[in-house]
Amino acid sequence: ATYLGSLWGTWFGLGGATALDLGDEAMWASTLLVG
């Protein structure tokens, strides 16, 4: 559950940042934090 949760969090962070059209630094931060 730990590693699967981290992978799903990474996907939601990256996909959400892309859907919101965030900049590169904000996209990295979103991907990492939500992961």
PDB file of all heavy atoms in Angstrom:
ATOM      1  N   ALA A   1       0.828  -1.206   0.000  1.00  0.00           N
ATOM      2  CA  ALA A   1       0.000   0.000   0.000  1.00  0.00           C
ATOM      3  C   ALA A   1       0.863   1.256   0.000  1.00  0.00           C
ATOM      4  O   ALA A   1       0.495   2.281  -0.599  1.00  0.00           O
ATOM      5  CB  ALA A   1      -0.927  -0.007   1.214  1.00  0.00           C
ATOM      6  N   THR A   2       2.032   1.197   0.628  1.00  0.00           N
ATOM      7  CA  THR A   2       2.917   2.352   0.686  1.00  0.00           C
ATOM      8  C   THR A   2       3.449   2.710  -0.692  1.00  0.00           C
ATOM      9  O   THR A   2       3.348   3.863  -1.137  1.00  0.00           O
ATOM     10  CB  THR A   2       4.081   2.079   1.645  1.00  0.00           C
ATOM     11  OG1 THR A   2       3.578   1.858   2.966  1.00  0.00           O
ATOM     12  CG2 THR A   2       5.053   3.246   1.666  1.00  0.00           C
ATOM     13  N   TYR A   3       4.027   1.734  -1.390  1.00  0.00           N
ATOM     14  CA  TYR A   3       4.615   2.104  -2.679  1.00  0.00           C
ATOM     15  C   TYR A   3       3.554   2.341  -3.749  1.00  0.00           C
ATOM     16  O   TYR A   3       3.723   3.205  -4.627  1.00  0.00           O
ATOM     17  CB  TYR A   3       5.655   1.077  -3.120  1.00  0.00           C
ATOM     18  CG  TYR A   3       5.169  -0.193  -3.761  1.00  0.00           C
ATOM     19  CD1 TYR A   3       4.777  -0.221  -5.094  1.00  0.00           C
ATOM     20  CD2 TYR A   3       5.151  -1.393  -3.059  1.00  0.00           C
ATOM     21  CE1 TYR A   3       4.346  -1.397  -5.690  1.00  0.00           C
ATOM     22  CE2 TYR A   3       4.729  -2.566  -3.645  1.00  0.00           C
ATOM     23  CZ  TYR A   3       4.338  -2.561  -4.960  1.00  0.00           C
ATOM     24  OH  TYR A   3       3.923  -3.728  -5.549  1.00  0.00           O
ATOM     25  N   LEU A   4       2.427   1.633  -3.661  1.00  0.00           N
ATOM     26  CA  LEU A   4       1.345   1.905  -4.620  1.00  0.00           C
ATOM     27  C   LEU A   4       0.733   3.279  -4.369  1.00  0.00           C
ATOM     28  O   LEU A   4       0.432   4.018  -5.311  1.00  0.00           O
ATOM     29  CB  LEU A   4       0.276   0.822  -4.514  1.00  0.00           C
ATOM     30  CG  LEU A   4       0.679  -0.560  -5.045  1.00  0.00           C
ATOM     31  CD1 LEU A   4      -0.383  -1.599  -4.673  1.00  0.00           C
ATOM     32  CD2 LEU A   4       0.890  -0.536  -6.549  1.00  0.00           C
ATOM     33  N   GLY A   5       0.561   3.634  -3.096  1.00  0.00           N
ATOM     34  CA  GLY A   5       0.043   4.963  -2.781  1.00  0.00           C
ATOM     35  C   GLY A   5       0.955   6.066  -3.265  1.00  0.00           C
ATOM     36  O   GLY A   5       0.490   7.099  -3.768  1.00  0.00           O
ATOM     37  N   SER A   6       2.259   5.874  -3.148  1.00  0.00           N
ATOM     38  CA  SER A   6       3.197   6.901  -3.614  1.00  0.00           C
ATOM     39  C   SER A   6       3.144   7.047  -5.134  1.00  0.00           C
ATOM     40  O   SER A   6       3.235   8.160  -5.671  1.00  0.00           O
ATOM     41  CB  SER A   6       4.611   6.558  -3.155  1.00  0.00           C
ATOM     42  OG  SER A   6       5.053   5.334  -3.723  1.00  0.00           O
ATOM     43  N   LEU A   7       2.982   5.936  -5.841  1.00  0.00           N
ATOM     44  CA  LEU A   7       2.888   6.006  -7.304  1.00  0.00           C
ATOM     45  C   LEU A   7       1.603   6.705  -7.738  1.00  0.00           C
ATOM     46  O   LEU A   7       1.606   7.534  -8.660  1.00  0.00           O
ATOM     47  CB  LEU A   7       2.962   4.600  -7.894  1.00  0.00           C
ATOM     48  CG  LEU A   7       4.309   3.883  -7.763  1.00  0.00           C
ATOM     49  CD1 LEU A   7       4.217   2.466  -8.329  1.00  0.00           C
ATOM     50  CD2 LEU A   7       5.413   4.657  -8.472  1.00  0.00           C
ATOM     51  N   TRP A   8       0.487   6.380  -7.065  1.00  0.00           N
ATOM     52  CA  TRP A   8      -0.762   7.053  -7.411  1.00  0.00           C
ATOM     53  C   TRP A   8      -0.699   8.527  -7.059  1.00  0.00           C
ATOM     54  O   TRP A   8      -1.211   9.380  -7.809  1.00  0.00           O
ATOM     55  CB  TRP A   8      -1.940   6.381  -6.705  1.00  0.00           C
ATOM     56  CG  TRP A   8      -2.389   5.145  -7.402  1.00  0.00           C
ATOM     57  CD1 TRP A   8      -2.268   3.850  -6.967  1.00  0.00           C
ATOM     58  CD2 TRP A   8      -3.020   5.061  -8.689  1.00  0.00           C
ATOM     59  NE1 TRP A   8      -2.771   2.973  -7.900  1.00  0.00           N
ATOM     60  CE2 TRP A   8      -3.247   3.687  -8.966  1.00  0.00           C
ATOM     61  CE3 TRP A   8      -3.400   6.011  -9.630  1.00  0.00           C
ATOM     62  CZ2 TRP A   8      -3.839   3.261 -10.145  1.00  0.00           C
ATOM     63  CZ3 TRP A   8      -4.000   5.580 -10.807  1.00  0.00           C
ATOM     64  CH2 TRP A   8      -4.219   4.224 -11.055  1.00  0.00           C
ATOM     65  N   GLY A   9      -0.092   8.865  -5.941  1.00  0.00           N
ATOM     66  CA  GLY A   9       0.070  10.274  -5.599  1.00  0.00           C
ATOM     67  C   GLY A   9       0.903  11.016  -6.627  1.00  0.00           C
ATOM     68  O   GLY A   9       0.597  12.155  -6.992  1.00  0.00           O
ATOM     69  N   THR A  10       1.956  10.368  -7.128  1.00  0.00           N
ATOM     70  CA  THR A  10       2.782  10.992  -8.169  1.00  0.00           C
ATOM     71  C   THR A  10       1.968  11.253  -9.427  1.00  0.00           C
ATOM     72  O   THR A  10       2.079  12.323 -10.055  1.00  0.00           O
ATOM     73  CB  THR A  10       3.977  10.075  -8.493  1.00  0.00           C
ATOM     74  OG1 THR A  10       4.757   9.885  -7.305  1.00  0.00           O
ATOM     75  CG2 THR A  10       4.853  10.678  -9.576  1.00  0.00           C
ATOM     76  N   TRP A  11       1.141  10.272  -9.816  1.00  0.00           N
ATOM     77  CA  TRP A  11       0.307  10.451 -11.004  1.00  0.00           C
ATOM     78  C   TRP A  11      -0.684  11.598 -10.818  1.00  0.00           C
ATOM     79  O   TRP A  11      -0.848  12.455 -11.697  1.00  0.00           O
ATOM     80  CB  TRP A  11      -0.421   9.148 -11.323  1.00  0.00           C
ATOM     81  CG  TRP A  11      -1.706   9.295 -12.098  1.00  0.00           C
ATOM     82  CD1 TRP A  11      -2.932   8.888 -11.702  1.00  0.00           C
ATOM     83  CD2 TRP A  11      -1.891   9.871 -13.405  1.00  0.00           C
ATOM     84  NE1 TRP A  11      -3.878   9.175 -12.651  1.00  0.00           N
ATOM     85  CE2 TRP A  11      -3.264   9.783 -13.721  1.00  0.00           C
ATOM     86  CE3 TRP A  11      -1.029  10.472 -14.322  1.00  0.00           C
ATOM     87  CZ2 TRP A  11      -3.798  10.262 -14.911  1.00  0.00           C
ATOM     88  CZ3 TRP A  11      -1.561  10.952 -15.520  1.00  0.00           C
ATOM     89  CH2 TRP A  11      -2.927  10.835 -15.806  1.00  0.00           C
ATOM     90  N   PHE A  12      -1.348  11.658  -9.654  1.00  0.00           N
ATOM     91  CA  PHE A  12      -2.323  12.715  -9.433  1.00  0.00           C
ATOM     92  C   PHE A  12      -1.641  14.082  -9.344  1.00  0.00           C
ATOM     93  O   PHE A  12      -2.198  15.086  -9.814  1.00  0.00           O
ATOM     94  CB  PHE A  12      -3.122  12.438  -8.163  1.00  0.00           C
ATOM     95  CG  PHE A  12      -4.110  11.313  -8.314  1.00  0.00           C
ATOM     96  CD1 PHE A  12      -4.085  10.215  -7.474  1.00  0.00           C
ATOM     97  CD2 PHE A  12      -5.068  11.363  -9.314  1.00  0.00           C
ATOM     98  CE1 PHE A  12      -4.995   9.189  -7.627  1.00  0.00           C
ATOM     99  CE2 PHE A  12      -5.982  10.325  -9.471  1.00  0.00           C
ATOM    100  CZ  PHE A  12      -5.949   9.233  -8.630  1.00  0.00           C
ATOM    101  N   GLY A  13      -0.457  14.135  -8.745  1.00  0.00           N
ATOM    102  CA  GLY A  13       0.264  15.406  -8.685  1.00  0.00           C
ATOM    103  C   GLY A  13       0.700  15.886 -10.050  1.00  0.00           C
ATOM    104  O   GLY A  13       0.543  17.066 -10.390  1.00  0.00           O
ATOM    105  N   LEU A  14       1.230  14.969 -10.873  1.00  0.00           N
ATOM    106  CA  LEU A  14       1.678  15.350 -12.216  1.00  0.00           C
ATOM    107  C   LEU A  14       0.493  15.676 -13.119  1.00  0.00           C
ATOM    108  O   LEU A  14       0.486  16.694 -13.821  1.00  0.00           O
ATOM    109  CB  LEU A  14       2.491  14.203 -12.820  1.00  0.00           C
ATOM    110  CG  LEU A  14       2.938  14.375 -14.276  1.00  0.00           C
ATOM    111  CD1 LEU A  14       3.827  15.590 -14.428  1.00  0.00           C
ATOM    112  CD2 LEU A  14       3.652  13.114 -14.769  1.00  0.00           C
ATOM    113  N   GLY A  15      -0.537  14.787 -13.100  1.00  0.00           N
ATOM    114  CA  GLY A  15      -1.699  15.032 -13.950  1.00  0.00           C
ATOM    115  C   GLY A  15      -2.444  16.288 -13.561  1.00  0.00           C
ATOM    116  O   GLY A  15      -2.893  17.056 -14.428  1.00  0.00           O
ATOM    117  N   GLY A  16      -2.587  16.537 -12.257  1.00  0.00           N
ATOM    118  CA  GLY A  16      -3.272  17.744 -11.822  1.00  0.00           C
ATOM    119  C   GLY A  16      -2.511  19.000 -12.213  1.00  0.00           C
ATOM    120  O   GLY A  16      -3.112  19.991 -12.650  1.00  0.00           O
ATOM    121  N   ALA A  17      -1.179  18.986 -12.058  1.00  0.00           N
ATOM    122  CA  ALA A  17      -0.386  20.149 -12.440  1.00  0.00           C
ATOM    123  C   ALA A  17      -0.461  20.404 -13.942  1.00  0.00           C
ATOM    124  O   ALA A  17      -0.519  21.552 -14.396  1.00  0.00           O
ATOM    125  CB  ALA A  17       1.067  19.945 -12.015  1.00  0.00           C
ATOM    126  N   THR A  18      -0.480  19.326 -14.733  1.00  0.00           N
ATOM    127  CA  THR A  18      -0.586  19.490 -16.187  1.00  0.00           C
ATOM    128  C   THR A  18      -1.958  20.010 -16.575  1.00  0.00           C
ATOM    129  O   THR A  18      -2.089  20.884 -17.451  1.00  0.00           O
ATOM    130  CB  THR A  18      -0.325  18.143 -16.884  1.00  0.00           C
ATOM    131  OG1 THR A  18       0.948  17.625 -16.465  1.00  0.00           O
ATOM    132  CG2 THR A  18      -0.314  18.308 -18.399  1.00  0.00           C
ATOM    133  N   ALA A  19      -3.010  19.488 -15.926  1.00  0.00           N
ATOM    134  CA  ALA A  19      -4.361  19.958 -16.224  1.00  0.00           C
ATOM    135  C   ALA A  19      -4.527  21.432 -15.869  1.00  0.00           C
ATOM    136  O   ALA A  19      -5.254  22.166 -16.548  1.00  0.00           O
ATOM    137  CB  ALA A  19      -5.383  19.120 -15.471  1.00  0.00           C
ATOM    138  N   LEU A  20      -3.836  21.894 -14.817  1.00  0.00           N
ATOM    139  CA  LEU A  20      -3.912  23.295 -14.412  1.00  0.00           C
ATOM    140  C   LEU A  20      -2.900  24.171 -15.138  1.00  0.00           C
ATOM    141  O   LEU A  20      -2.845  25.383 -14.897  1.00  0.00           O
ATOM    142  CB  LEU A  20      -3.684  23.405 -12.898  1.00  0.00           C
ATOM    143  CG  LEU A  20      -4.746  22.736 -12.016  1.00  0.00           C
ATOM    144  CD1 LEU A  20      -4.325  22.792 -10.554  1.00  0.00           C
ATOM    145  CD2 LEU A  20      -6.104  23.385 -12.220  1.00  0.00           C
ATOM    146  N   ASP A  21      -2.089  23.545 -16.004  1.00  0.00           N
ATOM    147  CA  ASP A  21      -1.098  24.273 -16.807  1.00  0.00           C
ATOM    148  C   ASP A  21      -0.128  25.059 -15.933  1.00  0.00           C
ATOM    149  O   ASP A  21       0.132  26.250 -16.154  1.00  0.00           O
ATOM    150  CB  ASP A  21      -1.801  25.209 -17.793  1.00  0.00           C
ATOM    151  CG  ASP A  21      -0.868  25.674 -18.914  1.00  0.00           C
ATOM    152  OD1 ASP A  21       0.149  24.983 -19.162  1.00  0.00           O
ATOM    153  OD2 ASP A  21      -1.145  26.730 -19.537  1.00  0.00           O
ATOM    154  N   LEU A  22       0.422  24.401 -14.920  1.00  0.00           N
ATOM    155  CA  LEU A  22       1.404  25.042 -14.048  1.00  0.00           C
ATOM    156  C   LEU A  22       2.768  25.085 -14.709  1.00  0.00           C
ATOM    157  O   LEU A  22       3.057  24.330 -15.629  1.00  0.00           O
ATOM    158  CB  LEU A  22       1.487  24.276 -12.714  1.00  0.00           C
ATOM    159  CG  LEU A  22       0.204  24.159 -11.895  1.00  0.00           C
ATOM    160  CD1 LEU A  22       0.480  23.409 -10.601  1.00  0.00           C
ATOM    161  CD2 LEU A  22      -0.392  25.533 -11.600  1.00  0.00           C
ATOM    162  N   GLY A  23       3.625  25.949 -14.215  1.00  0.00           N
ATOM    163  CA  GLY A  23       4.982  26.042 -14.730  1.00  0.00           C
ATOM    164  C   GLY A  23       5.829  24.849 -14.315  1.00  0.00           C
ATOM    165  O   GLY A  23       5.402  24.005 -13.512  1.00  0.00           O
ATOM    166  N   ASP A  24       7.063  24.795 -14.839  1.00  0.00           N
ATOM    167  CA  ASP A  24       7.920  23.640 -14.604  1.00  0.00           C
ATOM    168  C   ASP A  24       8.203  23.427 -13.121  1.00  0.00           C
ATOM    169  O   ASP A  24       8.060  22.311 -12.606  1.00  0.00           O
ATOM    170  CB  ASP A  24       9.235  23.804 -15.368  1.00  0.00           C
ATOM    171  CG  ASP A  24       9.055  23.625 -16.867  1.00  0.00           C
ATOM    172  OD1 ASP A  24       7.978  23.139 -17.262  1.00  0.00           O
ATOM    173  OD2 ASP A  24       9.977  23.967 -17.628  1.00  0.00           O
ATOM    174  N   GLU A  25       8.621  24.503 -12.429  1.00  0.00           N
ATOM    175  CA  GLU A  25       8.947  24.338 -11.015  1.00  0.00           C
ATOM    176  C   GLU A  25       7.724  23.948 -10.199  1.00  0.00           C
ATOM    177  O   GLU A  25       7.785  23.068  -9.333  1.00  0.00           O
ATOM    178  CB  GLU A  25       9.545  25.640 -10.456  1.00  0.00           C
ATOM    179  CG  GLU A  25      10.932  25.967 -10.960  1.00  0.00           C
ATOM    180  CD  GLU A  25      10.904  26.617 -12.330  1.00  0.00           C
ATOM    181  OE1 GLU A  25       9.790  26.868 -12.858  1.00  0.00           O
ATOM    182  OE2 GLU A  25      11.981  26.866 -12.894  1.00  0.00           O
ATOM    183  N   ALA A  26       6.586  24.561 -10.501  1.00  0.00           N
ATOM    184  CA  ALA A  26       5.360  24.233  -9.777  1.00  0.00           C
ATOM    185  C   ALA A  26       4.912  22.804 -10.093  1.00  0.00           C
ATOM    186  O   ALA A  26       4.385  22.103  -9.221  1.00  0.00           O
ATOM    187  CB  ALA A  26       4.257  25.229 -10.133  1.00  0.00           C
ATOM    188  N   MET A  27       5.132  22.364 -11.324  1.00  0.00           N
ATOM    189  CA  MET A  27       4.761  20.992 -11.691  1.00  0.00           C
ATOM    190  C   MET A  27       5.610  19.984 -10.939  1.00  0.00           C
ATOM    191  O   MET A  27       5.094  18.979 -10.434  1.00  0.00           O
ATOM    192  CB  MET A  27       4.915  20.801 -13.205  1.00  0.00           C
ATOM    193  CG  MET A  27       4.502  19.430 -13.694  1.00  0.00           C
ATOM    194  SD  MET A  27       4.612  19.289 -15.499  1.00  0.00           S
ATOM    195  CE  MET A  27       3.368  20.482 -15.997  1.00  0.00           C
ATOM    196  N   TRP A  28       6.926  20.252 -10.844  1.00  0.00           N
ATOM    197  CA  TRP A  28       7.790  19.369 -10.067  1.00  0.00           C
ATOM    198  C   TRP A  28       7.338  19.331  -8.610  1.00  0.00           C
ATOM    199  O   TRP A  28       7.225  18.257  -8.003  1.00  0.00           O
ATOM    200  CB  TRP A  28       9.236  19.840 -10.146  1.00  0.00           C
ATOM    201  CG  TRP A  28       9.988  19.346 -11.331  1.00  0.00           C
ATOM    202  CD1 TRP A  28      10.340  20.054 -12.436  1.00  0.00           C
ATOM    203  CD2 TRP A  28      10.494  18.021 -11.525  1.00  0.00           C
ATOM    204  NE1 TRP A  28      11.024  19.254 -13.322  1.00  0.00           N
ATOM    205  CE2 TRP A  28      11.141  18.000 -12.784  1.00  0.00           C
ATOM    206  CE3 TRP A  28      10.470  16.857 -10.775  1.00  0.00           C
ATOM    207  CZ2 TRP A  28      11.751  16.869 -13.293  1.00  0.00           C
ATOM    208  CZ3 TRP A  28      11.083  15.718 -11.274  1.00  0.00           C
ATOM    209  CH2 TRP A  28      11.710  15.734 -12.520  1.00  0.00           C
ATOM    210  N   ALA A  29       7.073  20.517  -8.038  1.00  0.00           N
ATOM    211  CA  ALA A  29       6.678  20.576  -6.630  1.00  0.00           C
ATOM    212  C   ALA A  29       5.357  19.832  -6.398  1.00  0.00           C
ATOM    213  O   ALA A  29       5.202  19.089  -5.416  1.00  0.00           O
ATOM    214  CB  ALA A  29       6.555  22.028  -6.182  1.00  0.00           C
ATOM    215  N   SER A  30       4.391  20.011  -7.299  1.00  0.00           N
ATOM    216  CA  SER A  30       3.113  19.319  -7.159  1.00  0.00           C
ATOM    217  C   SER A  30       3.290  17.812  -7.236  1.00  0.00           C
ATOM    218  O   SER A  30       2.723  17.066  -6.423  1.00  0.00           O
ATOM    219  CB  SER A  30       2.150  19.791  -8.259  1.00  0.00           C
ATOM    220  OG  SER A  30       0.990  18.995  -8.297  1.00  0.00           O
ATOM    221  N   THR A  31       4.089  17.357  -8.197  1.00  0.00           N
ATOM    222  CA  THR A  31       4.313  15.921  -8.357  1.00  0.00           C
ATOM    223  C   THR A  31       4.954  15.319  -7.118  1.00  0.00           C
ATOM    224  O   THR A  31       4.541  14.252  -6.639  1.00  0.00           O
ATOM    225  CB  THR A  31       5.202  15.665  -9.576  1.00  0.00           C
ATOM    226  OG1 THR A  31       4.588  16.234 -10.745  1.00  0.00           O
ATOM    227  CG2 THR A  31       5.431  14.178  -9.794  1.00  0.00           C
ATOM    228  N   LEU A  32       5.938  16.003  -6.559  1.00  0.00           N
ATOM    229  CA  LEU A  32       6.662  15.481  -5.410  1.00  0.00           C
ATOM    230  C   LEU A  32       5.822  15.530  -4.132  1.00  0.00           C
ATOM    231  O   LEU A  32       5.784  14.564  -3.360  1.00  0.00           O
ATOM    232  CB  LEU A  32       7.958  16.270  -5.221  1.00  0.00           C
ATOM    233  CG  LEU A  32       8.968  16.158  -6.368  1.00  0.00           C
ATOM    234  CD1 LEU A  32      10.056  17.209  -6.230  1.00  0.00           C
ATOM    235  CD2 LEU A  32       9.565  14.770  -6.420  1.00  0.00           C
ATOM    236  N   LEU A  33       5.144  16.660  -3.913  1.00  0.00           N
ATOM    237  CA  LEU A  33       4.375  16.803  -2.675  1.00  0.00           C
ATOM    238  C   LEU A  33       3.176  15.863  -2.639  1.00  0.00           C
ATOM    239  O   LEU A  33       2.910  15.213  -1.619  1.00  0.00           O
ATOM    240  CB  LEU A  33       3.918  18.260  -2.528  1.00  0.00           C
ATOM    241  CG  LEU A  33       5.019  19.274  -2.205  1.00  0.00           C
ATOM    242  CD1 LEU A  33       4.463  20.689  -2.246  1.00  0.00           C
ATOM    243  CD2 LEU A  33       5.655  18.988  -0.849  1.00  0.00           C
ATOM    244  N   VAL A  34       2.434  15.793  -3.747  1.00  0.00           N
ATOM    245  CA  VAL A  34       1.275  14.903  -3.767  1.00  0.00           C
ATOM    246  C   VAL A  34       1.734  13.449  -3.733  1.00  0.00           C
ATOM    247  O   VAL A  34       1.065  12.577  -3.160  1.00  0.00           O
ATOM    248  CB  VAL A  34       0.398  15.185  -4.997  1.00  0.00           C
ATOM    249  CG1 VAL A  34      -0.833  14.276  -5.008  1.00  0.00           C
ATOM    250  CG2 VAL A  34      -0.051  16.640  -5.007  1.00  0.00           C
ATOM    251  N   GLY A  35       2.893  13.165  -4.334  1.00  0.00           N
ATOM    252  CA  GLY A  35       3.450  11.814  -4.232  1.00  0.00           C
ATOM    253  C   GLY A  35       3.753  11.438  -2.798  1.00  0.00           C
ATOM    254  O   GLY A  35       3.460  10.314  -2.358  1.00  0.00           O
TER     255      GLY A  35
END
